[in-house]
Amino acid sequence: QEMNREINTIGAKANDFDISVHVVELKSELEKIREQIQ
């Protein structure tokens, strides 16, 4: 949950297309991690 909060903040602060692409990648991997750790 803390990792997700940091990623969301990065996406909100950095108004940049390339960073947004990386943020999507991070959120995608983190969502898979969230499902596994349940």
Full PDB file with SEQRES, HELIX, SHEET, SSBOND, CRYST1, ORIGX, SCALE, CONECT and MASTER records, all heavy atoms in Angstrom:
SEQRES   1 A   38  GLN GLU MET ASN ARG GLU ILE ASN THR ILE GLY ALA LYS          
SEQRES   2 A   38  ALA ASN ASP PHE ASP ILE SER VAL HIS VAL VAL GLU LEU          
SEQRES   3 A   38  LYS SER GLU LEU GLU LYS ILE ARG GLU GLN ILE GLN              
HELIX    1 AA1 GLU A    2  LYS A   13  1                                  12    
HELIX    2 AA2 PHE A   17  ILE A   37  1                                  21    
CRYST1    1.000    1.000    1.000  90.00  90.00  90.00 P 1           1          
ORIGX1      1.000000  0.000000  0.000000        0.00000                         
ORIGX2      0.000000  1.000000  0.000000        0.00000                         
ORIGX3      0.000000  0.000000  1.000000        0.00000                         
SCALE1      1.000000  0.000000  0.000000        0.00000                         
SCALE2      0.000000  1.000000  0.000000        0.00000                         
SCALE3      0.000000  0.000000  1.000000        0.00000                         
ATOM      1  N   GLN A   1       0.827  -1.205   0.000  1.00  0.00           N  
ATOM      2  CA  GLN A   1       0.000   0.000   0.000  1.00  0.00           C  
ATOM      3  C   GLN A   1       0.867   1.262   0.000  1.00  0.00           C  
ATOM      4  O   GLN A   1       0.540   2.251  -0.674  1.00  0.00           O  
ATOM      5  CB  GLN A   1      -0.914  -0.011   1.228  1.00  0.00           C  
ATOM      6  CG  GLN A   1      -1.960  -1.118   1.195  1.00  0.00           C  
ATOM      7  CD  GLN A   1      -2.793  -1.159   2.464  1.00  0.00           C  
ATOM      8  OE1 GLN A   1      -2.944  -0.159   3.150  1.00  0.00           O  
ATOM      9  NE2 GLN A   1      -3.335  -2.320   2.784  1.00  0.00           N  
ATOM     10  N   GLU A   2       1.972   1.229   0.751  1.00  0.00           N  
ATOM     11  CA  GLU A   2       2.886   2.372   0.770  1.00  0.00           C  
ATOM     12  C   GLU A   2       3.550   2.574  -0.593  1.00  0.00           C  
ATOM     13  O   GLU A   2       3.728   3.709  -1.055  1.00  0.00           O  
ATOM     14  CB  GLU A   2       3.960   2.147   1.846  1.00  0.00           C  
ATOM     15  CG  GLU A   2       3.430   2.187   3.272  1.00  0.00           C  
ATOM     16  CD  GLU A   2       2.793   3.520   3.602  1.00  0.00           C  
ATOM     17  OE1 GLU A   2       3.467   4.563   3.430  1.00  0.00           O  
ATOM     18  OE2 GLU A   2       1.616   3.538   4.008  1.00  0.00           O  
ATOM     19  N   MET A   3       3.912   1.485  -1.241  1.00  0.00           N  
ATOM     20  CA  MET A   3       4.510   1.565  -2.575  1.00  0.00           C  
ATOM     21  C   MET A   3       3.512   2.158  -3.567  1.00  0.00           C  
ATOM     22  O   MET A   3       3.872   2.981  -4.423  1.00  0.00           O  
ATOM     23  CB  MET A   3       4.967   0.173  -3.021  1.00  0.00           C  
ATOM     24  CG  MET A   3       6.114  -0.389  -2.189  1.00  0.00           C  
ATOM     25  SD  MET A   3       6.371  -2.173  -2.412  1.00  0.00           S  
ATOM     26  CE  MET A   3       7.019  -2.221  -4.075  1.00  0.00           C  
ATOM     27  N   ASN A   4       2.275   1.746  -3.452  1.00  0.00           N  
ATOM     28  CA  ASN A   4       1.248   2.268  -4.355  1.00  0.00           C  
ATOM     29  C   ASN A   4       1.059   3.770  -4.144  1.00  0.00           C  
ATOM     30  O   ASN A   4       0.856   4.521  -5.112  1.00  0.00           O  
ATOM     31  CB  ASN A   4      -0.067   1.530  -4.096  1.00  0.00           C  
ATOM     32  CG  ASN A   4      -1.147   1.896  -5.095  1.00  0.00           C  
ATOM     33  OD1 ASN A   4      -1.003   1.694  -6.298  1.00  0.00           O  
ATOM     34  ND2 ASN A   4      -2.236   2.456  -4.595  1.00  0.00           N  
ATOM     35  N   ARG A   5       1.140   4.191  -2.884  1.00  0.00           N  
ATOM     36  CA  ARG A   5       0.999   5.627  -2.593  1.00  0.00           C  
ATOM     37  C   ARG A   5       2.124   6.431  -3.235  1.00  0.00           C  
ATOM     38  O   ARG A   5       1.897   7.505  -3.805  1.00  0.00           O  
ATOM     39  CB  ARG A   5       0.979   5.827  -1.077  1.00  0.00           C  
ATOM     40  CG  ARG A   5       0.690   7.265  -0.657  1.00  0.00           C  
ATOM     41  CD  ARG A   5       0.576   7.393   0.845  1.00  0.00           C  
ATOM     42  NE  ARG A   5      -0.617   6.708   1.332  1.00  0.00           N  
ATOM     43  CZ  ARG A   5      -0.605   5.579   2.035  1.00  0.00           C  
ATOM     44  NH1 ARG A   5       0.544   5.004   2.335  1.00  0.00           N  
ATOM     45  NH2 ARG A   5      -1.719   5.031   2.436  1.00  0.00           N  
ATOM     46  N   GLU A   6       3.369   5.931  -3.161  1.00  0.00           N  
ATOM     47  CA  GLU A   6       4.505   6.638  -3.754  1.00  0.00           C  
ATOM     48  C   GLU A   6       4.384   6.707  -5.278  1.00  0.00           C  
ATOM     49  O   GLU A   6       4.675   7.744  -5.897  1.00  0.00           O  
ATOM     50  CB  GLU A   6       5.813   5.935  -3.375  1.00  0.00           C  
ATOM     51  CG  GLU A   6       6.114   5.888  -1.883  1.00  0.00           C  
ATOM     52  CD  GLU A   6       6.304   7.248  -1.271  1.00  0.00           C  
ATOM     53  OE1 GLU A   6       6.486   8.232  -2.018  1.00  0.00           O  
ATOM     54  OE2 GLU A   6       6.252   7.370  -0.032  1.00  0.00           O  
ATOM     55  N   ILE A   7       3.934   5.610  -5.880  1.00  0.00           N  
ATOM     56  CA  ILE A   7       3.790   5.577  -7.340  1.00  0.00           C  
ATOM     57  C   ILE A   7       2.720   6.571  -7.793  1.00  0.00           C  
ATOM     58  O   ILE A   7       2.899   7.282  -8.791  1.00  0.00           O  
ATOM     59  CB  ILE A   7       3.447   4.147  -7.812  1.00  0.00           C  
ATOM     60  CG1 ILE A   7       4.629   3.212  -7.541  1.00  0.00           C  
ATOM     61  CG2 ILE A   7       3.115   4.132  -9.300  1.00  0.00           C  
ATOM     62  CD1 ILE A   7       4.334   1.744  -7.796  1.00  0.00           C  
ATOM     63  N   ASN A   8       1.625   6.627  -7.060  1.00  0.00           N  
ATOM     64  CA  ASN A   8       0.573   7.583  -7.405  1.00  0.00           C  
ATOM     65  C   ASN A   8       1.075   9.019  -7.294  1.00  0.00           C  
ATOM     66  O   ASN A   8       0.733   9.878  -8.126  1.00  0.00           O  
ATOM     67  CB  ASN A   8      -0.636   7.387  -6.490  1.00  0.00           C  
ATOM     68  CG  ASN A   8      -1.434   6.147  -6.851  1.00  0.00           C  
ATOM     69  OD1 ASN A   8      -1.405   5.690  -7.987  1.00  0.00           O  
ATOM     70  ND2 ASN A   8      -2.140   5.585  -5.876  1.00  0.00           N  
ATOM     71  N   THR A   9       1.879   9.287  -6.279  1.00  0.00           N  
ATOM     72  CA  THR A   9       2.430  10.634  -6.116  1.00  0.00           C  
ATOM     73  C   THR A   9       3.366  10.983  -7.261  1.00  0.00           C  
ATOM     74  O   THR A   9       3.348  12.113  -7.773  1.00  0.00           O  
ATOM     75  CB  THR A   9       3.192  10.737  -4.780  1.00  0.00           C  
ATOM     76  OG1 THR A   9       2.309  10.393  -3.698  1.00  0.00           O  
ATOM     77  CG2 THR A   9       3.720  12.148  -4.555  1.00  0.00           C  
ATOM     78  N   ILE A  10       4.179  10.021  -7.670  1.00  0.00           N  
ATOM     79  CA  ILE A  10       5.082  10.252  -8.805  1.00  0.00           C  
ATOM     80  C   ILE A  10       4.286  10.595 -10.056  1.00  0.00           C  
ATOM     81  O   ILE A  10       4.610  11.534 -10.793  1.00  0.00           O  
ATOM     82  CB  ILE A  10       5.960   9.003  -9.053  1.00  0.00           C  
ATOM     83  CG1 ILE A  10       6.946   8.817  -7.898  1.00  0.00           C  
ATOM     84  CG2 ILE A  10       6.720   9.125 -10.376  1.00  0.00           C  
ATOM     85  CD1 ILE A  10       7.704   7.498  -7.941  1.00  0.00           C  
ATOM     86  N   GLY A  11       3.229   9.842 -10.304  1.00  0.00           N  
ATOM     87  CA  GLY A  11       2.407  10.102 -11.476  1.00  0.00           C  
ATOM     88  C   GLY A  11       1.727  11.451 -11.437  1.00  0.00           C  
ATOM     89  O   GLY A  11       1.554  12.110 -12.470  1.00  0.00           O  
ATOM     90  N   ALA A  12       1.335  11.876 -10.222  1.00  0.00           N  
ATOM     91  CA  ALA A  12       0.644  13.151 -10.090  1.00  0.00           C  
ATOM     92  C   ALA A  12       1.597  14.343 -10.212  1.00  0.00           C  
ATOM     93  O   ALA A  12       1.239  15.386 -10.764  1.00  0.00           O  
ATOM     94  CB  ALA A  12      -0.086  13.202  -8.751  1.00  0.00           C  
ATOM     95  N   LYS A  13       2.825  14.197  -9.715  1.00  0.00           N  
ATOM     96  CA  LYS A  13       3.776  15.319  -9.697  1.00  0.00           C  
ATOM     97  C   LYS A  13       4.463  15.524 -11.042  1.00  0.00           C  
ATOM     98  O   LYS A  13       4.692  16.658 -11.468  1.00  0.00           O  
ATOM     99  CB  LYS A  13       4.839  15.094  -8.608  1.00  0.00           C  
ATOM    100  CG  LYS A  13       4.303  15.238  -7.194  1.00  0.00           C  
ATOM    101  CD  LYS A  13       5.375  14.975  -6.173  1.00  0.00           C  
ATOM    102  CE  LYS A  13       6.439  16.059  -6.200  1.00  0.00           C  
ATOM    103  NZ  LYS A  13       7.423  15.897  -5.110  1.00  0.00           N  
ATOM    104  N   ALA A  14       4.843  14.432 -11.679  1.00  0.00           N  
ATOM    105  CA  ALA A  14       5.633  14.536 -12.910  1.00  0.00           C  
ATOM    106  C   ALA A  14       4.718  14.606 -14.123  1.00  0.00           C  
ATOM    107  O   ALA A  14       4.206  13.591 -14.597  1.00  0.00           O  
ATOM    108  CB  ALA A  14       6.582  13.344 -13.021  1.00  0.00           C  
ATOM    109  N   ASN A  15       4.504  15.789 -14.619  1.00  0.00           N  
ATOM    110  CA  ASN A  15       3.645  15.990 -15.785  1.00  0.00           C  
ATOM    111  C   ASN A  15       4.461  15.737 -17.050  1.00  0.00           C  
ATOM    112  O   ASN A  15       4.818  16.649 -17.784  1.00  0.00           O  
ATOM    113  CB  ASN A  15       3.090  17.415 -15.767  1.00  0.00           C  
ATOM    114  CG  ASN A  15       2.090  17.641 -16.887  1.00  0.00           C  
ATOM    115  OD1 ASN A  15       1.537  16.683 -17.439  1.00  0.00           O  
ATOM    116  ND2 ASN A  15       1.872  18.902 -17.232  1.00  0.00           N  
ATOM    117  N   ASP A  16       4.734  14.435 -17.280  1.00  0.00           N  
ATOM    118  CA  ASP A  16       5.598  14.065 -18.402  1.00  0.00           C  
ATOM    119  C   ASP A  16       5.124  12.735 -18.966  1.00  0.00           C  
ATOM    120  O   ASP A  16       4.828  11.790 -18.218  1.00  0.00           O  
ATOM    121  CB  ASP A  16       7.047  13.957 -17.921  1.00  0.00           C  
ATOM    122  CG  ASP A  16       8.009  13.593 -19.035  1.00  0.00           C  
ATOM    123  OD1 ASP A  16       8.463  14.507 -19.755  1.00  0.00           O  
ATOM    124  OD2 ASP A  16       8.296  12.386 -19.189  1.00  0.00           O  
ATOM    125  N   PHE A  17       5.105  12.638 -20.289  1.00  0.00           N  
ATOM    126  CA  PHE A  17       4.584  11.428 -20.939  1.00  0.00           C  
ATOM    127  C   PHE A  17       5.433  10.200 -20.614  1.00  0.00           C  
ATOM    128  O   PHE A  17       4.905   9.136 -20.257  1.00  0.00           O  
ATOM    129  CB  PHE A  17       4.533  11.638 -22.452  1.00  0.00           C  
ATOM    130  CG  PHE A  17       4.129  10.386 -23.208  1.00  0.00           C  
ATOM    131  CD1 PHE A  17       2.804   9.988 -23.247  1.00  0.00           C  
ATOM    132  CD2 PHE A  17       5.091   9.614 -23.859  1.00  0.00           C  
ATOM    133  CE1 PHE A  17       2.440   8.829 -23.931  1.00  0.00           C  
ATOM    134  CE2 PHE A  17       4.724   8.454 -24.531  1.00  0.00           C  
ATOM    135  CZ  PHE A  17       3.395   8.065 -24.572  1.00  0.00           C  
ATOM    136  N   ASP A  18       6.746  10.314 -20.749  1.00  0.00           N  
ATOM    137  CA  ASP A  18       7.626   9.163 -20.515  1.00  0.00           C  
ATOM    138  C   ASP A  18       7.536   8.676 -19.070  1.00  0.00           C  
ATOM    139  O   ASP A  18       7.541   7.464 -18.812  1.00  0.00           O  
ATOM    140  CB  ASP A  18       9.068   9.523 -20.863  1.00  0.00           C  
ATOM    141  CG  ASP A  18       9.275   9.712 -22.362  1.00  0.00           C  
ATOM    142  OD1 ASP A  18       8.564   9.025 -23.127  1.00  0.00           O  
ATOM    143  OD2 ASP A  18      10.103  10.544 -22.762  1.00  0.00           O  
ATOM    144  N   ILE A  19       7.473   9.619 -18.135  1.00  0.00           N  
ATOM    145  CA  ILE A  19       7.330   9.212 -16.738  1.00  0.00           C  
ATOM    146  C   ILE A  19       5.985   8.527 -16.526  1.00  0.00           C  
ATOM    147  O   ILE A  19       5.885   7.536 -15.791  1.00  0.00           O  
ATOM    148  CB  ILE A  19       7.485  10.430 -15.805  1.00  0.00           C  
ATOM    149  CG1 ILE A  19       8.947  10.883 -15.791  1.00  0.00           C  
ATOM    150  CG2 ILE A  19       7.025  10.083 -14.387  1.00  0.00           C  
ATOM    151  CD1 ILE A  19       9.228  12.052 -14.879  1.00  0.00           C  
ATOM    152  N   SER A  20       4.948   9.016 -17.174  1.00  0.00           N  
ATOM    153  CA  SER A  20       3.627   8.386 -17.064  1.00  0.00           C  
ATOM    154  C   SER A  20       3.656   6.947 -17.556  1.00  0.00           C  
ATOM    155  O   SER A  20       3.001   6.068 -16.970  1.00  0.00           O  
ATOM    156  CB  SER A  20       2.592   9.185 -17.856  1.00  0.00           C  
ATOM    157  OG  SER A  20       2.457  10.491 -17.333  1.00  0.00           O  
ATOM    158  N   VAL A  21       4.413   6.702 -18.621  1.00  0.00           N  
ATOM    159  CA  VAL A  21       4.544   5.328 -19.140  1.00  0.00           C  
ATOM    160  C   VAL A  21       5.194   4.435 -18.089  1.00  0.00           C  
ATOM    161  O   VAL A  21       4.745   3.305 -17.835  1.00  0.00           O  
ATOM    162  CB  VAL A  21       5.376   5.319 -20.446  1.00  0.00           C  
ATOM    163  CG1 VAL A  21       5.696   3.875 -20.850  1.00  0.00           C  
ATOM    164  CG2 VAL A  21       4.620   6.027 -21.554  1.00  0.00           C  
ATOM    165  N   HIS A  22       6.260   4.933 -17.464  1.00  0.00           N  
ATOM    166  CA  HIS A  22       6.936   4.161 -16.416  1.00  0.00           C  
ATOM    167  C   HIS A  22       6.025   3.943 -15.210  1.00  0.00           C  
ATOM    168  O   HIS A  22       6.055   2.874 -14.577  1.00  0.00           O  
ATOM    169  CB  HIS A  22       8.211   4.877 -15.977  1.00  0.00           C  
ATOM    170  CG  HIS A  22       9.316   4.801 -16.983  1.00  0.00           C  
ATOM    171  ND1 HIS A  22       9.704   3.629 -17.576  1.00  0.00           N  
ATOM    172  CD2 HIS A  22      10.139   5.757 -17.501  1.00  0.00           C  
ATOM    173  CE1 HIS A  22      10.707   3.846 -18.413  1.00  0.00           C  
ATOM    174  NE2 HIS A  22      10.988   5.142 -18.376  1.00  0.00           N  
ATOM    175  N   VAL A  23       5.225   4.944 -14.883  1.00  0.00           N  
ATOM    176  CA  VAL A  23       4.295   4.811 -13.764  1.00  0.00           C  
ATOM    177  C   VAL A  23       3.284   3.703 -14.031  1.00  0.00           C  
ATOM    178  O   VAL A  23       2.951   2.909 -13.138  1.00  0.00           O  
ATOM    179  CB  VAL A  23       3.574   6.156 -13.497  1.00  0.00           C  
ATOM    180  CG1 VAL A  23       2.364   5.947 -12.577  1.00  0.00           C  
ATOM    181  CG2 VAL A  23       4.538   7.151 -12.871  1.00  0.00           C  
ATOM    182  N   VAL A  24       2.790   3.639 -15.259  1.00  0.00           N  
ATOM    183  CA  VAL A  24       1.851   2.568 -15.631  1.00  0.00           C  
ATOM    184  C   VAL A  24       2.518   1.204 -15.470  1.00  0.00           C  
ATOM    185  O   VAL A  24       1.901   0.245 -14.977  1.00  0.00           O  
ATOM    186  CB  VAL A  24       1.351   2.767 -17.079  1.00  0.00           C  
ATOM    187  CG1 VAL A  24       0.561   1.541 -17.540  1.00  0.00           C  
ATOM    188  CG2 VAL A  24       0.493   4.018 -17.177  1.00  0.00           C  
ATOM    189  N   GLU A  25       3.771   1.092 -15.870  1.00  0.00           N  
ATOM    190  CA  GLU A  25       4.507  -0.167 -15.723  1.00  0.00           C  
ATOM    191  C   GLU A  25       4.646  -0.548 -14.253  1.00  0.00           C  
ATOM    192  O   GLU A  25       4.457  -1.712 -13.873  1.00  0.00           O  
ATOM    193  CB  GLU A  25       5.882  -0.034 -16.377  1.00  0.00           C  
ATOM    194  CG  GLU A  25       5.836   0.123 -17.892  1.00  0.00           C  
ATOM    195  CD  GLU A  25       7.202   0.429 -18.481  1.00  0.00           C  
ATOM    196  OE1 GLU A  25       8.158   0.615 -17.693  1.00  0.00           O  
ATOM    197  OE2 GLU A  25       7.315   0.483 -19.719  1.00  0.00           O  
ATOM    198  N   LEU A  26       4.979   0.440 -13.421  1.00  0.00           N  
ATOM    199  CA  LEU A  26       5.130   0.182 -11.989  1.00  0.00           C  
ATOM    200  C   LEU A  26       3.807  -0.261 -11.366  1.00  0.00           C  
ATOM    201  O   LEU A  26       3.762  -1.217 -10.578  1.00  0.00           O  
ATOM    202  CB  LEU A  26       5.638   1.439 -11.280  1.00  0.00           C  
ATOM    203  CG  LEU A  26       7.097   1.822 -11.518  1.00  0.00           C  
ATOM    204  CD1 LEU A  26       7.393   3.195 -10.926  1.00  0.00           C  
ATOM    205  CD2 LEU A  26       8.045   0.788 -10.912  1.00  0.00           C  
ATOM    206  N   LYS A  27       2.737   0.407 -11.722  1.00  0.00           N  
ATOM    207  CA  LYS A  27       1.426   0.065 -11.162  1.00  0.00           C  
ATOM    208  C   LYS A  27       0.974  -1.319 -11.625  1.00  0.00           C  
ATOM    209  O   LYS A  27       0.333  -2.049 -10.865  1.00  0.00           O  
ATOM    210  CB  LYS A  27       0.391   1.122 -11.560  1.00  0.00           C  
ATOM    211  CG  LYS A  27       0.589   2.463 -10.875  1.00  0.00           C  
ATOM    212  CD  LYS A  27      -0.459   3.471 -11.289  1.00  0.00           C  
ATOM    213  CE  LYS A  27      -1.795   3.146 -10.672  1.00  0.00           C  
ATOM    214  NZ  LYS A  27      -1.806   3.351  -9.213  1.00  0.00           N  
ATOM    215  N   SER A  28       1.313  -1.668 -12.854  1.00  0.00           N  
ATOM    216  CA  SER A  28       0.942  -2.981 -13.372  1.00  0.00           C  
ATOM    217  C   SER A  28       1.639  -4.095 -12.580  1.00  0.00           C  
ATOM    218  O   SER A  28       1.005  -5.079 -12.175  1.00  0.00           O  
ATOM    219  CB  SER A  28       1.307  -3.079 -14.858  1.00  0.00           C  
ATOM    220  OG  SER A  28       1.042  -4.383 -15.350  1.00  0.00           O  
ATOM    221  N   GLU A  29       2.928  -3.941 -12.359  1.00  0.00           N  
ATOM    222  CA  GLU A  29       3.670  -4.951 -11.595  1.00  0.00           C  
ATOM    223  C   GLU A  29       3.210  -4.996 -10.144  1.00  0.00           C  
ATOM    224  O   GLU A  29       3.086  -6.067  -9.551  1.00  0.00           O  
ATOM    225  CB  GLU A  29       5.173  -4.667 -11.661  1.00  0.00           C  
ATOM    226  CG  GLU A  29       5.787  -4.848 -13.037  1.00  0.00           C  
ATOM    227  CD  GLU A  29       5.602  -6.258 -13.585  1.00  0.00           C  
ATOM    228  OE1 GLU A  29       5.589  -7.219 -12.795  1.00  0.00           O  
ATOM    229  OE2 GLU A  29       5.447  -6.393 -14.822  1.00  0.00           O  
ATOM    230  N   LEU A  30       2.934  -3.828  -9.579  1.00  0.00           N  
ATOM    231  CA  LEU A  30       2.519  -3.785  -8.183  1.00  0.00           C  
ATOM    232  C   LEU A  30       1.154  -4.425  -7.991  1.00  0.00           C  
ATOM    233  O   LEU A  30       0.900  -5.059  -6.958  1.00  0.00           O  
ATOM    234  CB  LEU A  30       2.498  -2.339  -7.692  1.00  0.00           C  
ATOM    235  CG  LEU A  30       2.273  -2.160  -6.185  1.00  0.00           C  
ATOM    236  CD1 LEU A  30       3.407  -2.823  -5.400  1.00  0.00           C  
ATOM    237  CD2 LEU A  30       2.183  -0.688  -5.817  1.00  0.00           C  
ATOM    238  N   GLU A  31       0.277  -4.293  -8.956  1.00  0.00           N  
ATOM    239  CA  GLU A  31      -1.032  -4.925  -8.864  1.00  0.00           C  
ATOM    240  C   GLU A  31      -0.902  -6.448  -8.866  1.00  0.00           C  
ATOM    241  O   GLU A  31      -1.601  -7.146  -8.114  1.00  0.00           O  
ATOM    242  CB  GLU A  31      -1.917  -4.470 -10.028  1.00  0.00           C  
ATOM    243  CG  GLU A  31      -3.284  -5.150 -10.098  1.00  0.00           C  
ATOM    244  CD  GLU A  31      -4.133  -4.935  -8.859  1.00  0.00           C  
ATOM    245  OE1 GLU A  31      -3.910  -3.948  -8.130  1.00  0.00           O  
ATOM    246  OE2 GLU A  31      -5.033  -5.772  -8.613  1.00  0.00           O  
ATOM    247  N   LYS A  32       0.009  -6.954  -9.683  1.00  0.00           N  
ATOM    248  CA  LYS A  32       0.251  -8.409  -9.698  1.00  0.00           C  
ATOM    249  C   LYS A  32       0.853  -8.861  -8.372  1.00  0.00           C  
ATOM    250  O   LYS A  32       0.538  -9.943  -7.876  1.00  0.00           O  
ATOM    251  CB  LYS A  32       1.174  -8.768 -10.860  1.00  0.00           C  
ATOM    252  CG  LYS A  32       0.544  -8.498 -12.224  1.00  0.00           C  
ATOM    253  CD  LYS A  32       1.558  -8.651 -13.345  1.00  0.00           C  
ATOM    254  CE  LYS A  32       0.942  -8.271 -14.693  1.00  0.00           C  
ATOM    255  NZ  LYS A  32       1.936  -8.296 -15.790  1.00  0.00           N  
ATOM    256  N   ILE A  33       1.710  -8.023  -7.805  1.00  0.00           N  
ATOM    257  CA  ILE A  33       2.288  -8.324  -6.498  1.00  0.00           C  
ATOM    258  C   ILE A  33       1.191  -8.343  -5.431  1.00  0.00           C  
ATOM    259  O   ILE A  33       1.153  -9.224  -4.565  1.00  0.00           O  
ATOM    260  CB  ILE A  33       3.379  -7.292  -6.136  1.00  0.00           C  
ATOM    261  CG1 ILE A  33       4.623  -7.527  -7.011  1.00  0.00           C  
ATOM    262  CG2 ILE A  33       3.751  -7.372  -4.657  1.00  0.00           C  
ATOM    263  CD1 ILE A  33       5.697  -6.470  -6.837  1.00  0.00           C  
ATOM    264  N   ARG A  34       0.295  -7.356  -5.499  1.00  0.00           N  
ATOM    265  CA  ARG A  34      -0.800  -7.293  -4.519  1.00  0.00           C  
ATOM    266  C   ARG A  34      -1.637  -8.562  -4.546  1.00  0.00           C  
ATOM    267  O   ARG A  34      -2.038  -9.087  -3.494  1.00  0.00           O  
ATOM    268  CB  ARG A  34      -1.683  -6.074  -4.819  1.00  0.00           C  
ATOM    269  CG  ARG A  34      -2.764  -5.835  -3.762  1.00  0.00           C  
ATOM    270  CD  ARG A  34      -3.819  -4.867  -4.270  1.00  0.00           C  
ATOM    271  NE  ARG A  34      -4.593  -5.447  -5.356  1.00  0.00           N  
ATOM    272  CZ  ARG A  34      -5.595  -6.307  -5.181  1.00  0.00           C  
ATOM    273  NH1 ARG A  34      -5.941  -6.677  -3.956  1.00  0.00           N  
ATOM    274  NH2 ARG A  34      -6.237  -6.803  -6.212  1.00  0.00           N  
ATOM    275  N   GLU A  35      -1.925  -9.066  -5.732  1.00  0.00           N  
ATOM    276  CA  GLU A  35      -2.732 -10.281  -5.846  1.00  0.00           C  
ATOM    277  C   GLU A  35      -2.004 -11.479  -5.248  1.00  0.00           C  
ATOM    278  O   GLU A  35      -2.641 -12.328  -4.589  1.00  0.00           O  
ATOM    279  CB  GLU A  35      -3.053 -10.552  -7.321  1.00  0.00           C  
ATOM    280  CG  GLU A  35      -3.978  -9.504  -7.949  1.00  0.00           C  
ATOM    281  CD  GLU A  35      -4.163  -9.734  -9.435  1.00  0.00           C  
ATOM    282  OE1 GLU A  35      -3.536 -10.667  -9.992  1.00  0.00           O  
ATOM    283  OE2 GLU A  35      -4.949  -8.994 -10.062  1.00  0.00           O  
ATOM    284  N   GLN A  36      -0.705 -11.560  -5.463  1.00  0.00           N  
ATOM    285  CA  GLN A  36       0.054 -12.693  -4.972  1.00  0.00           C  
ATOM    286  C   GLN A  36       0.181 -12.707  -3.457  1.00  0.00           C  
ATOM    287  O   GLN A  36       0.073 -13.773  -2.817  1.00  0.00           O  
ATOM    288  CB  GLN A  36       1.451 -12.713  -5.600  1.00  0.00           C  
ATOM    289  CG  GLN A  36       1.461 -12.990  -7.097  1.00  0.00           C  
ATOM    290  CD  GLN A  36       1.161 -14.440  -7.416  1.00  0.00           C  
ATOM    291  OE1 GLN A  36       0.226 -15.024  -6.888  1.00  0.00           O  
ATOM    292  NE2 GLN A  36       1.936 -15.020  -8.300  1.00  0.00           N  
ATOM    293  N   ILE A  37       0.414 -11.549  -2.862  1.00  0.00           N  
ATOM    294  CA  ILE A  37       0.676 -11.529  -1.426  1.00  0.00           C  
ATOM    295  C   ILE A  37      -0.579 -11.787  -0.603  1.00  0.00           C  
ATOM    296  O   ILE A  37      -0.484 -12.025   0.612  1.00  0.00           O  
ATOM    297  CB  ILE A  37       1.321 -10.195  -0.985  1.00  0.00           C  
ATOM    298  CG1 ILE A  37       0.368  -9.020  -1.227  1.00  0.00           C  
ATOM    299  CG2 ILE A  37       2.643  -9.986  -1.664  1.00  0.00           C  
ATOM    300  CD1 ILE A  37       0.926  -7.693  -0.728  1.00  0.00           C  
ATOM    301  N   GLN A  38      -1.763 -11.779  -1.234  1.00  0.00           N  
ATOM    302  CA  GLN A  38      -2.975 -12.100  -0.493  1.00  0.00           C  
ATOM    303  C   GLN A  38      -2.953 -13.539   0.002  1.00  0.00           C  
ATOM    304  O   GLN A  38      -3.700 -13.906   0.913  1.00  0.00           O  
ATOM    305  CB  GLN A  38      -4.225 -11.872  -1.364  1.00  0.00           C  
ATOM    306  CG  GLN A  38      -4.378 -10.454  -1.884  1.00  0.00           C  
ATOM    307  CD  GLN A  38      -4.286  -9.406  -0.806  1.00  0.00           C  
ATOM    308  OE1 GLN A  38      -4.955  -9.501   0.223  1.00  0.00           O  
ATOM    309  NE2 GLN A  38      -3.447  -8.413  -1.020  1.00  0.00           N  
TER     310      GLN A  38                                                      
MASTER        0    0    0    2    0    0    0    6  309    1    0    3          
END                                                                             
